[in-house]
């Protein structure tokens, strides 16, 4: 980005000229710790942080060539683009960031794939990016940056030689997907599913479906919408005139059909058979979890739209590995096999994780450590009871629960106080308790909403001093 482009994009004023450079597109750079040589620091202001607090003269020694924001420190001698003043400094930096994202989208001439849904966004986005690699450089969302800031940063970070951008789009409330879609304007929109995630912010699942369907409102004739044929709520969404609908799923008549999804390699892999236009391919995903098969089916539908043949897709997908903290298999040095699924949790993803645990070959105990599922509103009581009941019928050897919601469910089902169930109000306390119950060769699922801090338990299990298997 040149300083002129930056100023034009954010509608700002060039106070000091600076060298061309990239923009800090990792939100961790808010504390300037990840700034690389030749970067401009965008000083975002939020409710609980202010990027301007980290603007000091030693930023230049770290490689920063300029600042985009409301102010700089005294004796700042390098580039500075000053944003337009607003009553709310927090809003003006976010508005400017969004403008810059839109400016970047206007410059980008390649395809933008927008991925939304209640579950599976990050996994599917990663699979799509892998499948499209033969087309040229693929730019994709970094980590889980799928909100207003994250999508803007994704667009701003598109390299000039990229052919495709794959953008993950998340939401917690009505109107958020519409805002993201207005910023990235996907030429290919993907709606994976509608499930009870963030339900407390909506009256019913239909309202969640309508919120996900906001991605369609920015689509124009000639664009393509890839939809889950197995999900009635997804299929009920009206597609704009002139937008082509491409279907994936198990349902007959799907453009890409999931024919077979079954565990293999002792449950540590998934054998998948897909069909498109009477052509069938078979491949193995080297990760546990049958739910991965439908993610792969969606990715095949997207890549097919962009010219990737089904055999090419089948050849590329075995390179997929789980995204950090999402059904990530970690074999600890002490011999315990940990399924680290601690990034987030809702009823659908938790049921899938329990099914994954049930299907895995195990020489020790199968242990499910579950943290409360949040933002479920009136459905939370039934949801936690249903998950616990599933653990019982799935023959899980031990269940450990973190949080008031799961503890209440255990009490209602008369499971608390039994040898099979351990309860704790917080993850740190459970981390101390669970060490006595885990043995080498156990397979342990750790699952919970992000704010439950379930990764603390993963670290504690790894630290248990057990003699590993030979």
Protein backbone atom coordinates (compact mmCIF):
# COMPACT_ATOMS: atom_id res chain seq x y z
CA UNK A 1 0.00 0.00 0.00
CA UNK A 2 1.31 3.47 -0.90
CA UNK A 3 0.61 6.33 1.48
CA UNK A 4 -1.67 7.86 -1.17
CA UNK A 5 -3.69 4.66 -1.44
CA UNK A 6 -3.99 4.45 2.35
CA UNK A 7 -5.23 8.02 2.60
CA UNK A 8 -7.71 7.53 -0.25
CA UNK A 9 -8.98 4.25 1.22
CA UNK A 10 -9.68 5.62 4.70
CA UNK A 11 -10.57 9.14 3.52
CA UNK A 12 -7.78 10.44 5.74
CA UNK A 13 -5.19 13.20 5.65
CA UNK A 14 -1.51 12.61 4.95
CA UNK A 15 0.27 14.34 7.82
CA UNK A 16 3.66 12.71 7.21
CA UNK A 17 4.67 10.80 4.12
CA UNK A 18 6.03 7.30 4.57
CA UNK A 19 7.33 4.35 2.61
CA UNK A 20 4.92 1.95 0.89
CA UNK A 21 4.18 -1.15 2.92
CA UNK A 22 1.70 -3.74 4.02
CA UNK A 23 -0.88 -3.24 6.77
CA UNK A 24 -0.76 -5.09 10.08
CA UNK A 25 -3.46 -7.66 9.42
CA UNK A 26 -3.05 -9.80 12.53
CA UNK A 27 -5.18 -8.52 15.41
CA UNK A 28 -2.40 -9.55 17.79
CA UNK A 29 -0.47 -6.62 16.31
CA UNK A 30 -2.69 -4.31 18.36
CA UNK A 31 0.10 -4.51 20.92
CA UNK A 32 2.70 -4.12 18.12
CA UNK A 33 4.41 -7.39 19.06
CA UNK A 34 3.96 -8.93 15.62
CA UNK A 35 4.83 -5.95 13.42
CA UNK A 36 7.15 -6.94 10.59
CA UNK A 37 9.54 -4.79 8.60
CA UNK A 38 7.81 -2.46 6.16
CA UNK A 39 4.39 -2.42 7.80
CA UNK A 40 1.93 0.33 8.65
CA UNK A 41 0.32 0.05 12.05
CA UNK A 42 -3.45 0.58 12.05
CA UNK A 43 -4.28 1.89 15.52
CA UNK A 44 -7.70 0.37 16.11
CA UNK A 45 -9.66 1.59 19.12
CA UNK A 46 -12.20 -0.68 20.81
CA UNK A 47 -14.21 -0.73 24.01
CA UNK A 48 -11.41 -2.36 25.98
CA UNK A 49 -8.27 -1.39 24.08
CA UNK A 50 -6.70 1.50 22.24
CA UNK A 51 -4.03 0.84 19.66
CA UNK A 52 -2.77 4.40 20.04
CA UNK A 53 -1.40 3.48 23.47
CA UNK A 54 1.28 1.40 21.75
CA UNK A 55 2.54 4.05 19.36
CA UNK A 56 6.03 4.91 20.54
CA UNK A 57 9.16 6.03 18.74
CA UNK A 58 10.68 2.54 19.07
CA UNK A 59 7.99 1.19 16.71
CA UNK A 60 10.22 2.22 13.84
CA UNK A 61 13.04 0.04 15.12
CA UNK A 62 10.59 -2.88 15.00
CA UNK A 63 9.98 -2.23 11.30
CA UNK A 64 6.93 0.04 11.39
CA UNK A 65 7.06 2.65 8.60
CA UNK A 66 3.86 4.50 9.42
CA UNK A 67 0.72 4.81 11.51
CA UNK A 68 -2.94 5.01 10.48
CA UNK A 69 -5.00 6.48 13.31
CA UNK A 70 -6.12 9.50 15.25
CA UNK A 71 -2.79 10.56 16.73
CA UNK A 72 0.88 9.65 17.10
CA UNK A 73 3.34 10.13 19.91
CA UNK A 74 5.64 13.11 20.26
CA UNK A 75 8.74 13.01 18.07
CA UNK A 76 7.12 10.61 15.57
CA UNK A 77 9.09 11.20 12.38
CA UNK A 78 7.67 8.58 10.06
CA UNK A 79 4.49 8.05 8.06
CA UNK A 80 1.18 9.19 9.51
CA UNK A 81 -2.28 9.17 7.93
CA UNK A 82 -4.76 10.88 10.23
CA UNK A 83 -8.34 9.67 10.24
CA UNK A 84 -11.35 11.94 10.00
CA UNK A 85 -12.47 13.09 13.42
CA UNK A 86 -15.71 11.67 14.82
CA UNK A 87 -17.46 12.09 18.15
CA UNK A 88 -16.54 8.49 18.97
CA UNK A 89 -12.86 7.60 18.43
CA UNK A 90 -13.73 3.91 18.72
CA UNK A 91 -16.19 4.19 15.84
CA UNK A 92 -13.99 6.25 13.57
CA UNK A 93 -11.16 3.72 13.55
CA UNK A 94 -13.59 0.86 12.85
CA UNK A 95 -15.32 2.86 10.12
CA UNK A 96 -11.95 3.66 8.54
CA UNK A 97 -10.90 0.01 8.74
CA UNK A 98 -14.13 -1.02 7.03
CA UNK A 99 -13.59 1.61 4.31
CA UNK A 100 -10.12 0.23 3.72
CA UNK A 101 -11.55 -3.29 3.43
CA UNK A 102 -14.07 -2.13 0.84
CA UNK A 103 -11.34 -0.26 -1.05
CA UNK A 104 -9.24 -3.46 -1.13
CA UNK A 105 -12.25 -5.45 -2.37
CA UNK A 106 -12.82 -2.93 -5.17
CA UNK A 107 -9.20 -3.36 -6.30
CA UNK A 108 -9.31 -7.18 -6.19
CA UNK A 109 -10.33 -8.74 -9.51
CA UNK A 110 -10.29 -12.39 -8.43
CA UNK A 111 -13.09 -14.47 -6.95
CA UNK A 112 -14.14 -14.02 -3.35
CA UNK A 113 -15.62 -17.04 -1.60
CA UNK A 114 -17.65 -16.12 1.49
CA UNK A 115 -18.30 -18.94 3.96
CA UNK A 116 -20.94 -18.76 6.68
CA UNK A 117 -22.90 -21.24 8.80
CA UNK A 118 -23.44 -22.18 12.43
CA UNK A 119 -20.75 -24.87 12.53
CA UNK A 120 -17.83 -25.93 10.33
CA UNK A 121 -16.88 -22.54 8.85
CA UNK A 122 -13.17 -22.65 9.68
CA UNK A 123 -12.73 -26.28 8.67
CA UNK A 124 -14.59 -25.84 5.37
CA UNK A 125 -12.76 -22.60 4.58
CA UNK A 126 -9.44 -24.39 5.12
CA UNK A 127 -10.50 -27.29 2.88
CA UNK A 128 -11.58 -24.88 0.13
CA UNK A 129 -8.23 -23.10 0.25
CA UNK A 130 -6.35 -26.40 -0.05
CA UNK A 131 -8.48 -27.52 -3.00
CA UNK A 132 -7.89 -24.26 -4.89
CA UNK A 133 -4.11 -24.13 -4.49
CA UNK A 134 -3.51 -25.38 -8.05
CA UNK A 135 -5.31 -22.32 -9.41
CA UNK A 136 -2.66 -19.98 -8.02
CA UNK A 137 -2.19 -18.06 -4.81
CA UNK A 138 -5.15 -18.45 -2.44
CA UNK A 139 -5.63 -15.87 0.31
CA UNK A 140 -7.79 -16.86 3.27
CA UNK A 141 -8.96 -15.65 6.65
CA UNK A 142 -6.25 -15.85 9.28
CA UNK A 143 -7.30 -18.00 12.24
CA UNK A 144 -10.83 -17.15 13.29
CA UNK A 145 -10.90 -13.49 12.23
CA UNK A 146 -14.48 -13.67 10.99
CA UNK A 147 -16.06 -10.54 12.52
CA UNK A 148 -16.13 -6.92 11.30
CA UNK A 149 -12.48 -6.30 12.14
CA UNK A 150 -11.36 -9.71 10.92
CA UNK A 151 -13.09 -9.54 7.54
CA UNK A 152 -11.73 -6.02 6.93
CA UNK A 153 -8.22 -7.23 7.79
CA UNK A 154 -8.66 -10.23 5.49
CA UNK A 155 -9.57 -8.00 2.56
CA UNK A 156 -6.81 -5.48 3.32
CA UNK A 157 -4.26 -8.30 3.38
CA UNK A 158 -5.06 -9.73 -0.08
CA UNK A 159 -1.74 -9.95 -1.99
CA UNK A 160 -1.64 -8.39 -5.42
CA UNK A 161 -0.99 -11.76 -7.09
CA UNK A 162 -3.79 -13.68 -5.33
CA UNK A 163 -6.30 -15.47 -7.55
CA UNK A 164 -8.93 -16.26 -4.93
CA UNK A 165 -9.82 -15.00 -1.45
CA UNK A 166 -11.68 -17.35 0.91
CA UNK A 167 -13.36 -15.31 3.62
CA UNK A 168 -14.93 -16.72 6.78
CA UNK A 169 -17.98 -14.79 7.94
CA UNK A 170 -19.30 -15.17 11.49
CA UNK A 171 -22.13 -13.52 13.34
CA UNK A 172 -23.83 -13.34 16.71
CA UNK A 173 -26.71 -11.01 15.81
CA UNK A 174 -29.01 -10.00 12.99
CA UNK A 175 -27.43 -7.63 10.47
CA UNK A 176 -23.82 -8.66 11.04
CA UNK A 177 -23.52 -10.96 8.01
CA UNK A 178 -25.10 -8.24 5.85
CA UNK A 179 -22.38 -5.81 6.96
CA UNK A 180 -19.63 -8.35 6.26
CA UNK A 181 -21.13 -9.24 2.88
CA UNK A 182 -21.24 -5.56 1.97
CA UNK A 183 -17.53 -5.36 2.71
CA UNK A 184 -16.26 -8.47 0.92
CA UNK A 185 -19.04 -8.90 -1.71
CA UNK A 186 -18.58 -12.64 -2.30
CA UNK A 187 -18.95 -13.87 -5.87
CA UNK A 188 -19.45 -17.33 -4.37
CA UNK A 189 -21.47 -17.50 -1.15
CA UNK A 190 -21.50 -20.67 0.95
CA UNK A 191 -24.19 -21.42 3.56
CA UNK A 192 -23.20 -24.55 5.45
CA UNK A 193 -25.99 -25.04 7.98
CA UNK A 194 -28.31 -23.46 10.53
CA UNK A 195 -27.93 -24.73 14.09
CA UNK A 196 -28.68 -23.43 17.62
CA UNK A 197 -25.56 -21.31 18.06
CA UNK A 198 -25.94 -17.84 19.65
CA UNK A 199 -29.61 -18.71 20.02
CA UNK A 200 -30.07 -16.33 22.94
CA UNK A 201 -29.77 -13.44 20.47
CA UNK A 202 -32.56 -14.83 18.26
CA UNK A 203 -36.14 -15.91 18.79
CA UNK A 204 -35.85 -19.18 16.87
CA UNK A 205 -33.78 -21.12 14.33
CA UNK A 206 -35.64 -19.49 11.45
CA UNK A 207 -34.30 -16.11 12.59
CA UNK A 208 -30.77 -17.56 12.59
CA UNK A 209 -31.38 -18.85 9.06
CA UNK A 210 -32.51 -15.40 7.92
CA UNK A 211 -29.37 -13.87 9.47
CA UNK A 212 -27.14 -16.36 7.66
CA UNK A 213 -29.11 -15.66 4.47
CA UNK A 214 -28.01 -12.02 4.58
CA UNK A 215 -24.97 -13.18 2.59
CA UNK A 216 -27.31 -13.53 -0.40
CA UNK A 217 -28.43 -9.89 -0.34
CA UNK A 218 -25.12 -8.64 -1.73
CA UNK A 219 -25.04 -11.20 -4.54
CA UNK A 220 -25.75 -10.17 -8.11
CA UNK A 221 -26.69 -12.02 -11.32
CA UNK A 222 -23.89 -14.37 -12.34
CA UNK A 223 -22.80 -15.01 -8.75
CA UNK A 224 -23.10 -18.48 -7.22
CA UNK A 225 -24.58 -19.65 -3.94
CA UNK A 226 -23.43 -23.03 -2.58
CA UNK A 227 -26.06 -24.44 -0.20
CA UNK A 228 -26.53 -27.47 2.04
CA UNK A 229 -29.24 -29.57 0.41
CA UNK A 230 -29.75 -31.57 3.62
CA UNK A 231 -30.67 -28.53 5.73
CA UNK A 232 -34.32 -27.46 5.28
CA UNK A 233 -33.68 -24.04 6.82
CA UNK A 234 -30.83 -23.35 4.40
CA UNK A 235 -32.94 -24.53 1.48
CA UNK A 236 -35.81 -22.26 2.54
CA UNK A 237 -33.73 -19.13 1.95
CA UNK A 238 -34.70 -17.18 -1.18
CA UNK A 239 -31.91 -16.88 -3.74
CA UNK A 240 -31.82 -13.63 -5.76
CA UNK A 241 -32.79 -13.74 -9.43
CA UNK A 242 -29.84 -14.60 -11.62
CA UNK A 243 -27.76 -16.14 -8.82
CA UNK A 244 -26.98 -19.79 -9.55
CA UNK A 245 -27.68 -22.31 -6.82
CA UNK A 246 -25.21 -25.20 -6.35
CA UNK A 247 -26.19 -27.89 -3.85
CA UNK A 248 -24.09 -30.24 -1.74
CA UNK A 249 -25.12 -32.97 0.68
CA UNK A 250 -26.41 -36.52 0.95
CA UNK A 251 -29.68 -35.75 -0.79
CA UNK A 252 -30.22 -37.22 -4.23
CA UNK A 253 -30.01 -34.54 -6.88
CA UNK A 254 -27.27 -32.61 -5.11
CA UNK A 255 -24.66 -31.21 -7.49
CA UNK A 256 -21.99 -32.78 -5.28
CA UNK A 257 -23.35 -35.72 -3.29
CA UNK A 258 -21.86 -37.31 -0.19
CA UNK A 259 -22.26 -41.03 -0.90
CA UNK A 260 -20.15 -42.56 1.89
CA UNK A 261 -18.75 -41.24 5.15
CA UNK A 262 -17.30 -43.84 7.49
CA UNK A 263 -14.59 -44.17 10.09
CA UNK A 264 -11.33 -45.80 9.10
CA UNK A 265 -7.90 -46.34 10.66
CA UNK A 266 -9.45 -47.12 14.02
CA UNK A 267 -11.54 -43.95 13.96
CA UNK A 268 -8.54 -41.70 13.34
CA UNK A 269 -9.51 -41.10 9.73
CA UNK A 270 -12.63 -40.73 7.59
CA UNK A 271 -13.25 -42.54 4.33
CA UNK A 272 -15.26 -40.34 1.97
CA UNK A 273 -16.94 -41.06 -1.36
CA UNK A 274 -18.27 -38.10 -3.36
CA UNK A 275 -20.25 -38.03 -6.60
CA UNK A 276 -20.66 -35.30 -9.20
CA UNK A 277 -22.32 -35.82 -12.58
CA UNK A 278 -22.07 -39.64 -12.24
CA UNK A 279 -18.32 -39.35 -11.56
CA UNK A 280 -17.29 -40.79 -8.18
CA UNK A 281 -14.10 -40.41 -6.16
CA UNK A 282 -12.87 -41.89 -2.91
CA UNK A 283 -10.31 -40.50 -0.47
CA UNK A 284 -9.39 -40.59 3.20
CA UNK A 285 -9.24 -37.53 5.47
CA UNK A 286 -6.43 -38.24 7.92
CA UNK A 287 -8.29 -36.77 10.88
CA UNK A 288 -11.04 -38.06 13.17
CA UNK A 289 -14.67 -36.97 12.88
CA UNK A 290 -17.41 -38.05 10.48
CA UNK A 291 -18.64 -34.45 10.34
CA UNK A 292 -15.55 -33.65 8.24
CA UNK A 293 -17.10 -35.52 5.31
CA UNK A 294 -19.88 -32.97 4.80
CA UNK A 295 -17.36 -30.12 5.14
CA UNK A 296 -15.36 -31.81 2.36
CA UNK A 297 -18.51 -32.15 0.26
CA UNK A 298 -19.11 -28.40 0.55
CA UNK A 299 -15.49 -27.67 -0.35
CA UNK A 300 -15.77 -29.93 -3.41
CA UNK A 301 -18.85 -28.01 -4.56
CA UNK A 302 -17.01 -24.67 -4.26
CA UNK A 303 -13.84 -25.88 -5.96
CA UNK A 304 -15.88 -27.46 -8.74
CA UNK A 305 -17.50 -24.11 -9.50
CA UNK A 306 -14.01 -22.67 -9.96
CA UNK A 307 -12.88 -25.42 -12.32
CA UNK A 308 -11.26 -28.00 -10.04
CA UNK A 309 -12.19 -31.51 -11.15
CA UNK A 310 -13.45 -34.05 -8.62
CA UNK A 311 -10.33 -36.27 -9.00
CA UNK A 312 -8.12 -33.20 -8.45
CA UNK A 313 -10.10 -32.37 -5.32
CA UNK A 314 -9.80 -35.94 -4.03
CA UNK A 315 -6.04 -35.81 -4.61
CA UNK A 316 -5.59 -32.55 -2.71
CA UNK A 317 -7.81 -33.01 0.33
CA UNK A 318 -5.76 -35.65 2.19
CA UNK A 319 -3.35 -32.73 2.87
CA UNK A 320 -5.95 -31.31 5.25
CA UNK A 321 -5.07 -31.26 8.94
CA UNK A 322 -7.40 -30.02 11.71
CA UNK A 323 -7.37 -26.36 12.50
CA UNK A 324 -5.96 -25.40 15.90
CA UNK A 325 -8.32 -26.34 18.78
CA UNK A 326 -10.94 -27.84 16.45
CA UNK A 327 -11.06 -31.65 16.75
CA UNK A 328 -7.28 -31.49 16.84
CA UNK A 329 -5.69 -34.82 17.78
CA UNK A 330 -2.72 -34.42 20.09
CA UNK A 331 -0.80 -37.45 21.32
CA UNK A 332 0.89 -36.30 24.52
CA UNK A 333 4.31 -37.52 25.57
CA UNK A 334 2.69 -39.39 28.47
CA UNK A 335 0.67 -41.53 26.03
CA UNK A 336 -2.71 -39.84 26.46
CA UNK A 337 -4.52 -39.10 23.20
CA UNK A 338 -6.26 -35.74 23.46
CA UNK A 339 -8.95 -34.49 21.09
CA UNK A 340 -8.56 -30.76 21.55
CA UNK A 341 -11.86 -29.17 20.54
CA UNK A 342 -11.69 -26.22 22.88
CA UNK A 343 -12.28 -23.33 20.52
CA UNK A 344 -16.06 -23.28 20.79
CA UNK A 345 -19.12 -25.40 21.56
CA UNK A 346 -22.78 -25.59 20.68
CA UNK A 347 -25.16 -28.58 20.79
CA UNK A 348 -24.44 -29.68 17.23
CA UNK A 349 -20.64 -29.50 17.43
CA UNK A 350 -20.62 -31.14 20.89
CA UNK A 351 -22.75 -34.06 19.71
CA UNK A 352 -20.39 -34.49 16.75
CA UNK A 353 -17.40 -34.50 19.12
CA UNK A 354 -18.98 -37.17 21.32
CA UNK A 355 -19.69 -39.27 18.21
CA UNK A 356 -16.04 -38.82 17.23
CA UNK A 357 -14.89 -40.04 20.66
CA UNK A 358 -17.22 -43.05 20.51
CA UNK A 359 -15.82 -44.10 17.12
CA UNK A 360 -12.15 -43.95 18.08
CA UNK A 361 -10.22 -47.13 18.83
CA UNK A 362 -9.08 -47.02 22.44
CA UNK A 363 -6.98 -49.29 24.66
CA UNK A 364 -7.77 -47.31 27.80
CA UNK A 365 -10.79 -45.22 28.85
CA UNK A 366 -12.85 -42.90 26.70
CA UNK A 367 -13.14 -39.66 28.66
CA UNK A 368 -15.33 -36.70 27.74
CA UNK A 369 -14.48 -33.39 29.45
CA UNK A 370 -17.19 -30.90 28.61
CA UNK A 371 -17.51 -27.20 29.37
CA UNK A 372 -20.77 -25.25 29.35
CA UNK A 373 -22.27 -24.32 25.98
CA UNK A 374 -23.07 -20.61 26.04
CA UNK A 375 -25.51 -18.19 24.40
CA UNK A 376 -28.28 -20.79 23.99
CA UNK A 377 -31.00 -18.77 25.69
CA UNK A 378 -34.18 -20.72 26.60
CA UNK A 379 -32.78 -23.86 24.94
CA UNK A 380 -29.79 -24.17 27.28
CA UNK A 381 -31.34 -26.51 29.89
CA UNK A 382 -32.59 -29.05 27.36
CA UNK A 383 -29.38 -28.80 25.31
CA UNK A 384 -27.09 -29.66 28.23
CA UNK A 385 -29.34 -32.53 29.35
CA UNK A 386 -29.44 -33.93 25.81
CA UNK A 387 -25.66 -33.88 25.50
CA UNK A 388 -25.23 -35.65 28.85
CA UNK A 389 -27.78 -38.28 27.90
CA UNK A 390 -25.85 -38.86 24.68
CA UNK A 391 -22.68 -39.48 26.71
CA UNK A 392 -24.52 -42.21 28.62
CA UNK A 393 -25.79 -44.04 25.54
CA UNK A 394 -22.42 -43.58 23.76
CA UNK A 395 -20.76 -45.70 26.48
CA UNK A 396 -18.27 -43.00 27.47
CA UNK A 397 -16.26 -44.38 30.41
CA UNK A 398 -15.90 -41.10 32.26
CA UNK A 399 -17.48 -37.67 31.95
CA UNK A 400 -16.04 -34.53 33.55
CA UNK A 401 -18.14 -31.37 33.54
CA UNK A 402 -17.19 -27.71 33.88
CA UNK A 403 -19.75 -25.00 34.61
CA UNK A 404 -23.09 -24.43 36.26
CA UNK A 405 -25.18 -25.46 33.25
CA UNK A 406 -23.71 -28.94 32.90
CA UNK A 407 -23.67 -29.44 36.68
CA UNK A 408 -27.39 -28.61 36.85
CA UNK A 409 -28.08 -31.05 34.03
CA UNK A 410 -26.10 -33.78 35.82
CA UNK A 411 -28.07 -33.19 39.01
CA UNK A 412 -31.39 -33.39 37.18
CA UNK A 413 -30.34 -36.63 35.46
CA UNK A 414 -29.07 -37.96 38.82
CA UNK A 415 -25.53 -38.34 37.46
CA UNK A 416 -23.64 -36.03 39.83
CA UNK A 417 -21.79 -37.78 42.61
CA UNK A 418 -21.36 -41.02 40.68
CA UNK A 419 -17.93 -42.46 39.96
CA UNK A 420 -18.47 -41.94 36.25
CA UNK A 421 -19.09 -38.16 36.50
CA UNK A 422 -16.80 -35.47 37.91
CA UNK A 423 -18.13 -31.91 38.29
CA UNK A 424 -16.40 -28.58 38.78
CA UNK A 425 -17.43 -24.96 38.47
CA UNK A 426 -14.30 -23.87 36.58
CA UNK A 427 -11.64 -25.38 34.36
CA UNK A 428 -8.69 -24.64 36.64
CA UNK A 429 -10.25 -26.59 39.51
CA UNK A 430 -11.10 -29.51 37.23
CA UNK A 431 -7.57 -29.51 35.84
CA UNK A 432 -6.35 -30.34 39.36
CA UNK A 433 -9.01 -33.02 39.89
CA UNK A 434 -8.74 -34.81 36.59
CA UNK A 435 -5.06 -35.71 36.90
CA UNK A 436 -5.89 -38.55 39.30
CA UNK A 437 -8.32 -40.15 36.85
CA UNK A 438 -6.36 -40.15 33.58
CA UNK A 439 -4.12 -43.03 32.56
CA UNK A 440 -1.86 -43.66 29.60
CA UNK A 441 -3.71 -45.03 26.54
CA UNK A 442 -6.85 -43.09 27.48
CA UNK A 443 -8.53 -41.05 24.76
CA UNK A 444 -9.75 -37.75 26.15
CA UNK A 445 -12.09 -35.31 24.44
CA UNK A 446 -11.90 -31.75 25.76
CA UNK A 447 -14.75 -29.60 24.47
CA UNK A 448 -16.29 -26.30 25.54
CA UNK A 449 -17.11 -22.72 24.65
CA UNK A 450 -14.07 -20.47 24.34
CA UNK A 451 -14.73 -18.45 27.49
CA UNK A 452 -14.74 -21.64 29.57
CA UNK A 453 -10.93 -21.78 29.13
CA UNK A 454 -10.90 -25.52 28.50
CA UNK A 455 -7.38 -25.32 27.05
CA UNK A 456 -6.23 -25.16 30.68
CA UNK A 457 -7.36 -28.78 31.05
CA UNK A 458 -5.56 -29.81 27.86
CA UNK A 459 -2.30 -28.43 29.25
CA UNK A 460 -2.90 -30.14 32.61
CA UNK A 461 -3.44 -33.53 30.96
CA UNK A 462 -0.23 -33.17 28.98
CA UNK A 463 1.63 -32.47 32.20
CA UNK A 464 0.44 -35.61 34.04
CA UNK A 465 3.56 -37.68 34.83
CA UNK A 466 2.65 -41.02 33.29
CA UNK A 467 4.92 -43.65 31.81
CA UNK A 468 4.20 -43.61 28.07
CA UNK A 469 3.33 -46.80 26.23
CA UNK A 470 6.13 -48.66 24.53
